[in-house]
C-alpha atoms as a PDB file:
ATOM      1  CA  UNK A   1       0.000   0.000   0.000  1.00  0.00           C
ATOM      2  CA  UNK A   2       1.235   3.492  -0.809  1.00  0.00           C
ATOM      3  CA  UNK A   3       1.806   5.567   2.302  1.00  0.00           C
ATOM      4  CA  UNK A   4      -0.416   8.661   2.321  1.00  0.00           C
ATOM      5  CA  UNK A   5       1.121  10.550   5.244  1.00  0.00           C
ATOM      6  CA  UNK A   6      -2.255  10.412   6.989  1.00  0.00           C
ATOM      7  CA  UNK A   7      -3.751  12.583   4.268  1.00  0.00           C
ATOM      8  CA  UNK A   8      -7.306  12.085   5.531  1.00  0.00           C
ATOM      9  CA  UNK A   9      -6.517  13.175   9.076  1.00  0.00           C
ATOM     10  CA  UNK A  10      -7.634  16.734   8.316  1.00  0.00           C
ATOM     11  CA  UNK A  11     -10.967  15.569   6.883  1.00  0.00           C
ATOM     12  CA  UNK A  12     -11.920  12.414   8.804  1.00  0.00           C
ATOM     13  CA  UNK A  13     -14.160  12.694  11.870  1.00  0.00           C
ATOM     14  CA  UNK A  14     -15.653  10.233  14.302  1.00  0.00           C
ATOM     15  CA  UNK A  15     -19.413  10.297  13.766  1.00  0.00           C
ATOM     16  CA  UNK A  16     -20.091   9.598  17.449  1.00  0.00           C
ATOM     17  CA  UNK A  17     -18.094  12.430  19.024  1.00  0.00           C
ATOM     18  CA  UNK A  18     -17.428  14.663  15.957  1.00  0.00           C
ATOM     19  CA  UNK A  19     -13.693  14.853  16.752  1.00  0.00           C
ATOM     20  CA  UNK A  20     -10.978  14.474  14.125  1.00  0.00           C
ATOM     21  CA  UNK A  21      -9.510  10.981  14.007  1.00  0.00           C
ATOM     22  CA  UNK A  22      -5.751  10.487  14.395  1.00  0.00           C
ATOM     23  CA  UNK A  23      -3.552   8.447  12.050  1.00  0.00           C
ATOM     24  CA  UNK A  24      -1.023   5.713  12.682  1.00  0.00           C
ATOM     25  CA  UNK A  25       0.652   2.895  10.755  1.00  0.00           C
ATOM     26  CA  UNK A  26       0.551  -0.762  11.790  1.00  0.00           C
ATOM     27  CA  UNK A  27       1.890  -3.690   9.781  1.00  0.00           C
ATOM     28  CA  UNK A  28       2.352  -1.426   6.754  1.00  0.00           C
ATOM     29  CA  UNK A  29      -1.297  -0.342   6.826  1.00  0.00           C
ATOM     30  CA  UNK A  30      -2.558   3.132   7.630  1.00  0.00           C
ATOM     31  CA  UNK A  31      -5.277   3.343  10.270  1.00  0.00           C
ATOM     32  CA  UNK A  32      -7.278   6.184  11.774  1.00  0.00           C
ATOM     33  CA  UNK A  33      -8.452   5.977  15.340  1.00  0.00           C
ATOM     34  CA  UNK A  34     -10.473   7.806  17.964  1.00  0.00           C
ATOM     35  CA  UNK A  35      -9.987   7.168  21.675  1.00  0.00           C
ATOM     36  CA  UNK A  36     -12.059   8.345  24.591  1.00  0.00           C
ATOM     37  CA  UNK A  37     -10.577   9.346  27.918  1.00  0.00           C
ATOM     38  CA  UNK A  38     -12.568   9.341  31.157  1.00  0.00           C
ATOM     39  CA  UNK A  39     -10.631  12.283  32.585  1.00  0.00           C
ATOM     40  CA  UNK A  40     -11.289  14.537  29.594  1.00  0.00           C
ATOM     41  CA  UNK A  41     -14.512  13.184  28.136  1.00  0.00           C
ATOM     42  CA  UNK A  42     -16.641  11.589  30.876  1.00  0.00           C
ATOM     43  CA  UNK A  43     -18.880  14.667  31.046  1.00  0.00           C
ATOM     44  CA  UNK A  44     -19.622  14.599  27.303  1.00  0.00           C
ATOM     45  CA  UNK A  45     -23.055  13.451  26.169  1.00  0.00           C
ATOM     46  CA  UNK A  46     -21.493  11.000  23.696  1.00  0.00           C
ATOM     47  CA  UNK A  47     -19.192   9.327  26.214  1.00  0.00           C
ATOM     48  CA  UNK A  48     -21.396   6.320  27.025  1.00  0.00           C
ATOM     49  CA  UNK A  49     -22.021   5.512  23.356  1.00  0.00           C
ATOM     50  CA  UNK A  50     -18.355   5.811  22.363  1.00  0.00           C
ATOM     51  CA  UNK A  51     -16.202   2.651  22.477  1.00  0.00           C
ATOM     52  CA  UNK A  52     -12.853   2.951  24.233  1.00  0.00           C
ATOM     53  CA  UNK A  53     -11.074   2.848  20.899  1.00  0.00           C
ATOM     54  CA  UNK A  54     -12.322   3.133  17.295  1.00  0.00           C
ATOM     55  CA  UNK A  55     -10.164   1.979  14.371  1.00  0.00           C
ATOM     56  CA  UNK A  56     -10.787   2.236  10.625  1.00  0.00           C
ATOM     57  CA  UNK A  57      -8.417   1.282   7.803  1.00  0.00           C
ATOM     58  CA  UNK A  58      -7.539   4.009   5.326  1.00  0.00           C
ATOM     59  CA  UNK A  59      -7.663   1.700   2.312  1.00  0.00           C
ATOM     60  CA  UNK A  60     -11.348   0.971   3.012  1.00  0.00           C
ATOM     61  CA  UNK A  61     -12.162   4.682   2.779  1.00  0.00           C
ATOM     62  CA  UNK A  62     -10.266   5.485  -0.426  1.00  0.00           C
ATOM     63  CA  UNK A  63     -12.644   3.773  -2.866  1.00  0.00           C
ATOM     64  CA  UNK A  64     -15.785   5.422  -1.443  1.00  0.00           C
ATOM     65  CA  UNK A  65     -14.087   8.820  -1.753  1.00  0.00           C
ATOM     66  CA  UNK A  66     -13.038   8.101  -5.345  1.00  0.00           C
ATOM     67  CA  UNK A  67     -16.573   7.014  -6.281  1.00  0.00           C
ATOM     68  CA  UNK A  68     -18.182   9.931  -4.481  1.00  0.00           C
ATOM     69  CA  UNK A  69     -16.245  12.505  -6.489  1.00  0.00           C
ATOM     70  CA  UNK A  70     -16.411  10.533  -9.738  1.00  0.00           C
ATOM     71  CA  UNK A  71     -20.168   9.988  -9.615  1.00  0.00           C
ATOM     72  CA  UNK A  72     -21.638  12.736  -7.451  1.00  0.00           C
ATOM     73  CA  UNK A  73     -19.306  15.677  -8.152  1.00  0.00           C
ATOM     74  CA  UNK A  74     -17.717  15.097 -11.583  1.00  0.00           C
ATOM     75  CA  UNK A  75     -20.041  12.508 -13.132  1.00  0.00           C
ATOM     76  CA  UNK A  76     -22.525  12.859 -15.995  1.00  0.00           C
ATOM     77  CA  UNK A  77     -25.497  12.056 -13.739  1.00  0.00           C
ATOM     78  CA  UNK A  78     -24.505  14.305 -10.837  1.00  0.00           C
ATOM     79  CA  UNK A  79     -27.254  16.892 -11.271  1.00  0.00           C
ATOM     80  CA  UNK A  80     -29.970  14.272 -11.624  1.00  0.00           C
ATOM     81  CA  UNK A  81     -28.728  12.454  -8.524  1.00  0.00           C
ATOM     82  CA  UNK A  82     -28.713  15.714  -6.582  1.00  0.00           C
ATOM     83  CA  UNK A  83     -32.071  16.845  -7.947  1.00  0.00           C
ATOM     84  CA  UNK A  84     -33.774  13.521  -7.126  1.00  0.00           C
ATOM     85  CA  UNK A  85     -33.424  14.292  -3.429  1.00  0.00           C
ATOM     86  CA  UNK A  86     -33.819  18.058  -3.531  1.00  0.00           C
ATOM     87  CA  UNK A  87     -35.133  19.123  -0.110  1.00  0.00           C
ATOM     88  CA  UNK A  88     -37.950  21.583   0.385  1.00  0.00           C
ATOM     89  CA  UNK A  89     -36.737  24.950   1.612  1.00  0.00           C
ATOM     90  CA  UNK A  90     -38.127  25.711   5.032  1.00  0.00           C
ATOM     91  CA  UNK A  91     -37.866  28.244   7.783  1.00  0.00           C
ATOM     92  CA  UNK A  92     -37.515  27.038  11.340  1.00  0.00           C
ATOM     93  CA  UNK A  93     -39.504  29.451  13.503  1.00  0.00           C
ATOM     94  CA  UNK A  94     -37.746  28.177  16.625  1.00  0.00           C
ATOM     95  CA  UNK A  95     -34.375  28.943  15.049  1.00  0.00           C
ATOM     96  CA  UNK A  96     -35.513  32.468  14.172  1.00  0.00           C
ATOM     97  CA  UNK A  97     -36.739  32.943  17.739  1.00  0.00           C
ATOM     98  CA  UNK A  98     -33.428  31.656  19.157  1.00  0.00           C
ATOM     99  CA  UNK A  99     -31.490  34.093  17.006  1.00  0.00           C
ATOM    100  CA  UNK A 100     -33.647  37.001  18.189  1.00  0.00           C
ATOM    101  CA  UNK A 101     -33.158  36.026  21.839  1.00  0.00           C
ATOM    102  CA  UNK A 102     -29.384  35.654  21.519  1.00  0.00           C
ATOM    103  CA  UNK A 103     -29.053  38.945  19.639  1.00  0.00           C
ATOM    104  CA  UNK A 104     -31.089  40.720  22.325  1.00  0.00           C
ATOM    105  CA  UNK A 105     -28.868  39.189  25.007  1.00  0.00           C
ATOM    106  CA  UNK A 106     -25.765  40.351  23.132  1.00  0.00           C
ATOM    107  CA  UNK A 107     -27.172  43.880  22.901  1.00  0.00           C
ATOM    108  CA  UNK A 108     -27.837  43.864  26.649  1.00  0.00           C
ATOM    109  CA  UNK A 109     -24.315  42.578  27.382  1.00  0.00           C
ATOM    110  CA  UNK A 110     -22.783  45.286  25.218  1.00  0.00           C
ATOM    111  CA  UNK A 111     -24.807  47.935  27.051  1.00  0.00           C
ATOM    112  CA  UNK A 112     -23.626  46.556  30.395  1.00  0.00           C
ATOM    113  CA  UNK A 113     -20.044  46.618  29.161  1.00  0.00           C
ATOM    114  CA  UNK A 114     -20.399  50.248  28.135  1.00  0.00           C
ATOM    115  CA  UNK A 115     -21.841  51.067  31.558  1.00  0.00           C
ATOM    116  CA  UNK A 116     -18.860  49.435  33.257  1.00  0.00           C
ATOM    117  CA  UNK A 117     -16.464  51.498  31.147  1.00  0.00           C
ATOM    118  CA  UNK A 118     -18.299  54.708  32.039  1.00  0.00           C
ATOM    119  CA  UNK A 119     -18.382  53.693  35.699  1.00  0.00           C
ATOM    120  CA  UNK A 120     -14.630  53.160  35.662  1.00  0.00           C
ATOM    121  CA  UNK A 121     -14.059  56.488  33.913  1.00  0.00           C
ATOM    122  CA  UNK A 122     -16.189  58.345  36.483  1.00  0.00           C
ATOM    123  CA  UNK A 123     -14.515  56.711  39.468  1.00  0.00           C
ATOM    124  CA  UNK A 124     -13.390  59.379  41.941  1.00  0.00           C
ATOM    125  CA  UNK A 125     -10.703  58.561  44.499  1.00  0.00           C
ATOM    126  CA  UNK A 126     -12.196  57.998  47.962  1.00  0.00           C
ATOM    127  CA  UNK A 127      -8.981  58.717  49.786  1.00  0.00           C
ATOM    128  CA  UNK A 128      -8.660  55.064  50.770  1.00  0.00           C
ATOM    129  CA  UNK A 129      -6.337  53.369  48.291  1.00  0.00           C
ATOM    130  CA  UNK A 130      -7.441  49.861  49.346  1.00  0.00           C
ATOM    131  CA  UNK A 131     -11.114  50.681  48.758  1.00  0.00           C
ATOM    132  CA  UNK A 132     -10.364  52.312  45.408  1.00  0.00           C
ATOM    133  CA  UNK A 133      -8.294  49.331  44.264  1.00  0.00           C
ATOM    134  CA  UNK A 134     -10.989  46.854  45.357  1.00  0.00           C
ATOM    135  CA  UNK A 135     -13.583  48.873  43.430  1.00  0.00           C
ATOM    136  CA  UNK A 136     -11.448  48.850  40.261  1.00  0.00           C
ATOM    137  CA  UNK A 137     -10.860  45.115  40.569  1.00  0.00           C
ATOM    138  CA  UNK A 138     -14.585  44.554  41.003  1.00  0.00           C
ATOM    139  CA  UNK A 139     -15.323  46.449  37.780  1.00  0.00           C
ATOM    140  CA  UNK A 140     -12.550  44.613  35.935  1.00  0.00           C
ATOM    141  CA  UNK A 141     -13.867  41.267  37.118  1.00  0.00           C
ATOM    142  CA  UNK A 142     -17.398  42.087  35.955  1.00  0.00           C
ATOM    143  CA  UNK A 143     -15.977  43.319  32.637  1.00  0.00           C
ATOM    144  CA  UNK A 144     -14.056  40.054  32.102  1.00  0.00           C
ATOM    145  CA  UNK A 145     -17.143  37.961  32.912  1.00  0.00           C
ATOM    146  CA  UNK A 146     -19.196  40.071  30.512  1.00  0.00           C
ATOM    147  CA  UNK A 147     -16.623  39.603  27.729  1.00  0.00           C
ATOM    148  CA  UNK A 148     -16.588  35.822  28.262  1.00  0.00           C
ATOM    149  CA  UNK A 149     -20.380  35.706  28.067  1.00  0.00           C
ATOM    150  CA  UNK A 150     -20.327  37.737  24.855  1.00  0.00           C
ATOM    151  CA  UNK A 151     -17.887  35.258  23.304  1.00  0.00           C
ATOM    152  CA  UNK A 152     -20.188  32.388  24.245  1.00  0.00           C
ATOM    153  CA  UNK A 153     -23.194  34.169  22.729  1.00  0.00           C
ATOM    154  CA  UNK A 154     -21.277  34.886  19.522  1.00  0.00           C
ATOM    155  CA  UNK A 155     -20.364  31.194  19.246  1.00  0.00           C
ATOM    156  CA  UNK A 156     -24.032  30.339  19.681  1.00  0.00           C
ATOM    157  CA  UNK A 157     -24.963  32.843  16.954  1.00  0.00           C
ATOM    158  CA  UNK A 158     -22.413  31.228  14.642  1.00  0.00           C
ATOM    159  CA  UNK A 159     -23.996  27.828  15.272  1.00  0.00           C
ATOM    160  CA  UNK A 160     -27.467  29.221  14.579  1.00  0.00           C
ATOM    161  CA  UNK A 161     -26.152  30.768  11.350  1.00  0.00           C
ATOM    162  CA  UNK A 162     -24.766  27.371  10.331  1.00  0.00           C
ATOM    163  CA  UNK A 163     -28.162  25.751  10.929  1.00  0.00           C
ATOM    164  CA  UNK A 164     -29.844  28.506   8.924  1.00  0.00           C
ATOM    165  CA  UNK A 165     -27.493  27.896   6.004  1.00  0.00           C
ATOM    166  CA  UNK A 166     -28.443  24.225   6.044  1.00  0.00           C
ATOM    167  CA  UNK A 167     -32.121  25.179   5.754  1.00  0.00           C
ATOM    168  CA  UNK A 168     -31.687  27.859   3.078  1.00  0.00           C
ATOM    169  CA  UNK A 169     -32.849  27.275  -0.546  1.00  0.00           C
ATOM    170  CA  UNK A 170     -30.522  25.104  -2.597  1.00  0.00           C
ATOM    171  CA  UNK A 171     -28.860  26.489  -5.708  1.00  0.00           C
ATOM    172  CA  UNK A 172     -28.489  23.224  -7.608  1.00  0.00           C
ATOM    173  CA  UNK A 173     -27.241  24.967 -10.763  1.00  0.00           C
ATOM    174  CA  UNK A 174     -23.888  25.738  -9.121  1.00  0.00           C
ATOM    175  CA  UNK A 175     -22.722  22.217  -9.847  1.00  0.00           C
ATOM    176  CA  UNK A 176     -22.911  23.024 -13.586  1.00  0.00           C
ATOM    177  CA  UNK A 177     -19.890  25.284 -13.131  1.00  0.00           C
ATOM    178  CA  UNK A 178     -17.697  22.241 -12.473  1.00  0.00           C
ATOM    179  CA  UNK A 179     -16.298  20.316 -15.438  1.00  0.00           C
ATOM    180  CA  UNK A 180     -17.379  16.736 -16.004  1.00  0.00           C
ATOM    181  CA  UNK A 181     -14.246  14.633 -15.708  1.00  0.00           C
ATOM    182  CA  UNK A 182     -13.111  11.066 -15.094  1.00  0.00           C
ATOM    183  CA  UNK A 183     -10.117  12.040 -12.947  1.00  0.00           C
ATOM    184  CA  UNK A 184      -9.683   9.837  -9.872  1.00  0.00           C
ATOM    185  CA  UNK A 185      -9.163  12.387  -7.121  1.00  0.00           C
ATOM    186  CA  UNK A 186      -7.587   9.824  -4.767  1.00  0.00           C
ATOM    187  CA  UNK A 187      -4.778   9.074  -7.234  1.00  0.00           C
ATOM    188  CA  UNK A 188      -3.635  12.704  -7.448  1.00  0.00           C
ATOM    189  CA  UNK A 189      -0.479  13.943  -5.689  1.00  0.00           C
ATOM    190  CA  UNK A 190      -1.165  14.725  -2.049  1.00  0.00           C
ATOM    191  CA  UNK A 191      -0.864  18.502  -2.423  1.00  0.00           C
ATOM    192  CA  UNK A 192      -3.470  18.506  -5.216  1.00  0.00           C
ATOM    193  CA  UNK A 193      -5.823  16.299  -3.210  1.00  0.00           C
ATOM    194  CA  UNK A 194      -5.583  18.653  -0.264  1.00  0.00           C
ATOM    195  CA  UNK A 195      -6.200  21.643  -2.503  1.00  0.00           C
ATOM    196  CA  UNK A 196      -9.418  20.137  -3.859  1.00  0.00           C
ATOM    197  CA  UNK A 197     -10.598  18.730  -0.523  1.00  0.00           C
ATOM    198  CA  UNK A 198     -10.126  22.137   1.088  1.00  0.00           C
ATOM    199  CA  UNK A 199     -11.894  23.899  -1.775  1.00  0.00           C
ATOM    200  CA  UNK A 200     -14.878  21.552  -1.425  1.00  0.00           C
ATOM    201  CA  UNK A 201     -14.880  21.845   2.399  1.00  0.00           C
ATOM    202  CA  UNK A 202     -14.676  18.058   2.218  1.00  0.00           C
ATOM    203  CA  UNK A 203     -15.626  16.022   5.270  1.00  0.00           C
ATOM    204  CA  UNK A 204     -15.605  12.288   5.974  1.00  0.00           C
ATOM    205  CA  UNK A 205     -17.388  10.848   9.003  1.00  0.00           C
ATOM    206  CA  UNK A 206     -16.839   7.286  10.106  1.00  0.00           C
ATOM    207  CA  UNK A 207     -20.057   5.811  11.481  1.00  0.00           C
ATOM    208  CA  UNK A 208     -18.931   2.822  13.569  1.00  0.00           C
ATOM    209  CA  UNK A 209     -22.398   1.472  14.544  1.00  0.00           C
ATOM    210  CA  UNK A 210     -23.284   1.106  10.834  1.00  0.00           C
ATOM    211  CA  UNK A 211     -19.677   0.498   9.659  1.00  0.00           C
ATOM    212  CA  UNK A 212     -20.208   3.239   7.102  1.00  0.00           C
ATOM    213  CA  UNK A 213     -18.670   6.477   5.919  1.00  0.00           C
ATOM    214  CA  UNK A 214     -20.631   9.675   5.376  1.00  0.00           C
ATOM    215  CA  UNK A 215     -19.040  11.929   2.768  1.00  0.00           C
ATOM    216  CA  UNK A 216     -19.905  15.607   2.392  1.00  0.00           C
ATOM    217  CA  UNK A 217     -18.764  18.305  -0.044  1.00  0.00           C
ATOM    218  CA  UNK A 218     -19.890  21.929  -0.282  1.00  0.00           C
ATOM    219  CA  UNK A 219     -19.907  24.282  -3.271  1.00  0.00           C
ATOM    220  CA  UNK A 220     -20.272  27.996  -2.517  1.00  0.00           C
ATOM    221  CA  UNK A 221     -21.225  30.702  -4.979  1.00  0.00           C
ATOM    222  CA  UNK A 222     -18.377  33.029  -4.050  1.00  0.00           C
ATOM    223  CA  UNK A 223     -15.707  30.343  -4.466  1.00  0.00           C
ATOM    224  CA  UNK A 224     -17.081  28.341  -7.397  1.00  0.00           C
ATOM    225  CA  UNK A 225     -15.010  30.149 -10.116  1.00  0.00           C
ATOM    226  CA  UNK A 226     -11.742  29.334  -8.332  1.00  0.00           C
ATOM    227  CA  UNK A 227     -12.970  25.824  -7.570  1.00  0.00           C
ATOM    228  CA  UNK A 228     -13.941  25.201 -11.192  1.00  0.00           C
ATOM    229  CA  UNK A 229     -10.536  26.473 -12.301  1.00  0.00           C
ATOM    230  CA  UNK A 230      -8.734  24.140  -9.914  1.00  0.00           C
ATOM    231  CA  UNK A 231     -10.749  21.153 -11.136  1.00  0.00           C
ATOM    232  CA  UNK A 232     -10.155  22.070 -14.786  1.00  0.00           C
ATOM    233  CA  UNK A 233      -6.417  22.356 -14.138  1.00  0.00           C
ATOM    234  CA  UNK A 234      -6.308  18.922 -12.548  1.00  0.00           C
ATOM    235  CA  UNK A 235      -8.378  17.474 -15.394  1.00  0.00           C
ATOM    236  CA  UNK A 236      -5.928  18.863 -17.965  1.00  0.00           C
ATOM    237  CA  UNK A 237      -2.885  17.427 -16.187  1.00  0.00           C
ATOM    238  CA  UNK A 238      -4.019  13.903 -15.393  1.00  0.00           C
ATOM    239  CA  UNK A 239      -5.283  10.973 -17.415  1.00  0.00           C
ATOM    240  CA  UNK A 240      -8.647   9.434 -16.502  1.00  0.00           C
ATOM    241  CA  UNK A 241      -8.648   6.272 -14.321  1.00  0.00           C
ATOM    242  CA  UNK A 242      -9.659   2.804 -15.408  1.00  0.00           C
ATOM    243  CA  UNK A 243     -13.303   1.818 -15.290  1.00  0.00           C
ATOM    244  CA  UNK A 244     -12.697  -0.742 -12.543  1.00  0.00           C
ATOM    245  CA  UNK A 245     -11.221   1.875 -10.195  1.00  0.00           C
ATOM    246  CA  UNK A 246     -14.428   3.900 -10.078  1.00  0.00           C
ATOM    247  CA  UNK A 247     -16.933   1.323 -11.216  1.00  0.00           C
ATOM    248  CA  UNK A 248     -18.791  -1.606  -9.722  1.00  0.00           C
ATOM    249  CA  UNK A 249     -15.607  -3.459  -8.817  1.00  0.00           C
ATOM    250  CA  UNK A 250     -15.057  -1.362  -5.708  1.00  0.00           C
ATOM    251  CA  UNK A 251     -15.524  -2.694  -2.181  1.00  0.00           C
ATOM    252  CA  UNK A 252     -17.846   0.230  -1.436  1.00  0.00           C
ATOM    253  CA  UNK A 253     -21.306  -1.328  -1.169  1.00  0.00           C
ATOM    254  CA  UNK A 254     -24.197   0.957  -0.206  1.00  0.00           C
ATOM    255  CA  UNK A 255     -26.750  -0.976   1.822  1.00  0.00           C
ATOM    256  CA  UNK A 256     -30.203  -1.474   0.212  1.00  0.00           C
ATOM    257  CA  UNK A 257     -32.640   1.305   1.166  1.00  0.00           C
ATOM    258  CA  UNK A 258     -29.886   2.971   3.197  1.00  0.00           C
ATOM    259  CA  UNK A 259     -27.983   4.576   0.342  1.00  0.00           C
ATOM    260  CA  UNK A 260     -28.985   8.225   0.265  1.00  0.00           C
ATOM    261  CA  UNK A 261     -27.754  11.054  -1.871  1.00  0.00           C
ATOM    262  CA  UNK A 262     -29.227  14.155  -0.357  1.00  0.00           C
ATOM    263  CA  UNK A 263     -28.504  17.853  -0.381  1.00  0.00           C
ATOM    264  CA  UNK A 264     -28.930  20.750   1.949  1.00  0.00           C
ATOM    265  CA  UNK A 265     -27.935  24.302   1.302  1.00  0.00           C
ATOM    266  CA  UNK A 266     -26.130  27.483   2.119  1.00  0.00           C
ATOM    267  CA  UNK A 267     -27.090  30.846   0.618  1.00  0.00           C
ATOM    268  CA  UNK A 268     -25.933  30.620  -2.963  1.00  0.00           C
ATOM    269  CA  UNK A 269     -24.473  27.182  -2.326  1.00  0.00           C
ATOM    270  CA  UNK A 270     -25.048  23.483  -2.643  1.00  0.00           C
ATOM    271  CA  UNK A 271     -23.960  20.627  -0.429  1.00  0.00           C
ATOM    272  CA  UNK A 272     -24.055  16.970  -1.331  1.00  0.00           C
ATOM    273  CA  UNK A 273     -23.399  13.999   0.885  1.00  0.00           C
ATOM    274  CA  UNK A 274     -23.477  10.247   0.695  1.00  0.00           C
ATOM    275  CA  UNK A 275     -23.374   7.266   2.994  1.00  0.00           C
ATOM    276  CA  UNK A 276     -22.378   3.725   2.220  1.00  0.00           C
ATOM    277  CA  UNK A 277     -21.489   0.476   3.973  1.00  0.00           C
ATOM    278  CA  UNK A 278     -17.753  -0.222   4.087  1.00  0.00           C
ATOM    279  CA  UNK A 279     -18.320  -3.947   4.249  1.00  0.00           C
ATOM    280  CA  UNK A 280     -15.485  -4.728   6.681  1.00  0.00           C
ATOM    281  CA  UNK A 281     -13.260  -3.207   9.357  1.00  0.00           C
END
């Protein structure tokens, strides 16, 4: 097997805990693993469902990735496959309400922060240096707590924004900007693979309970010209793979009635993902 320098480590996540999996080599095979630790993880909601140690072989993931890009990103039938499962755009009223609440809380926190600054500016010496210093420290402490709470609220807003992008209308026509090509992305030099994976915001999730991988790629309107150019450049420099490499001869076997090719969206974007049974550990 050709060593890949743990190429997938930046893109492979454990589906149970959502953490990146680490790479290692054993008996000339590359593996990715995810370990749980009672000291660091016992308080996590996923801890009970997570085995002590999860292993997956890299060579079992390569063919699904090759097929995913060949069929769902660069293939002739890609738009039909995406359109067959086009979701209905919807607005989550609870999500809208959550955003309004968090934004109101952020506005209130900012007002409190401004009040603390004015309070500190108006502070008049009392003549007792210990009292004055204690008062300043009290204001500084409240200011630091306020800033920490604002950071937490901003992280929550970012998460809400991510959920809103998932629910936004899908622009399926963006995929037309990509050339149709038979290039096997997994056979490219590592630097070119990384370039394309990064451009597609590529993500692989290993689902241990179902022994499956979930593959996800995102195309965004503001980056699609550069992305299309990168794909076209790769297409011009590399010969297409053999039919067996990306055809039915692969070990990637989607389970009956469990093979889904769905899409959700970002404003001006399209996201496609797939899941399939790996067949073995």
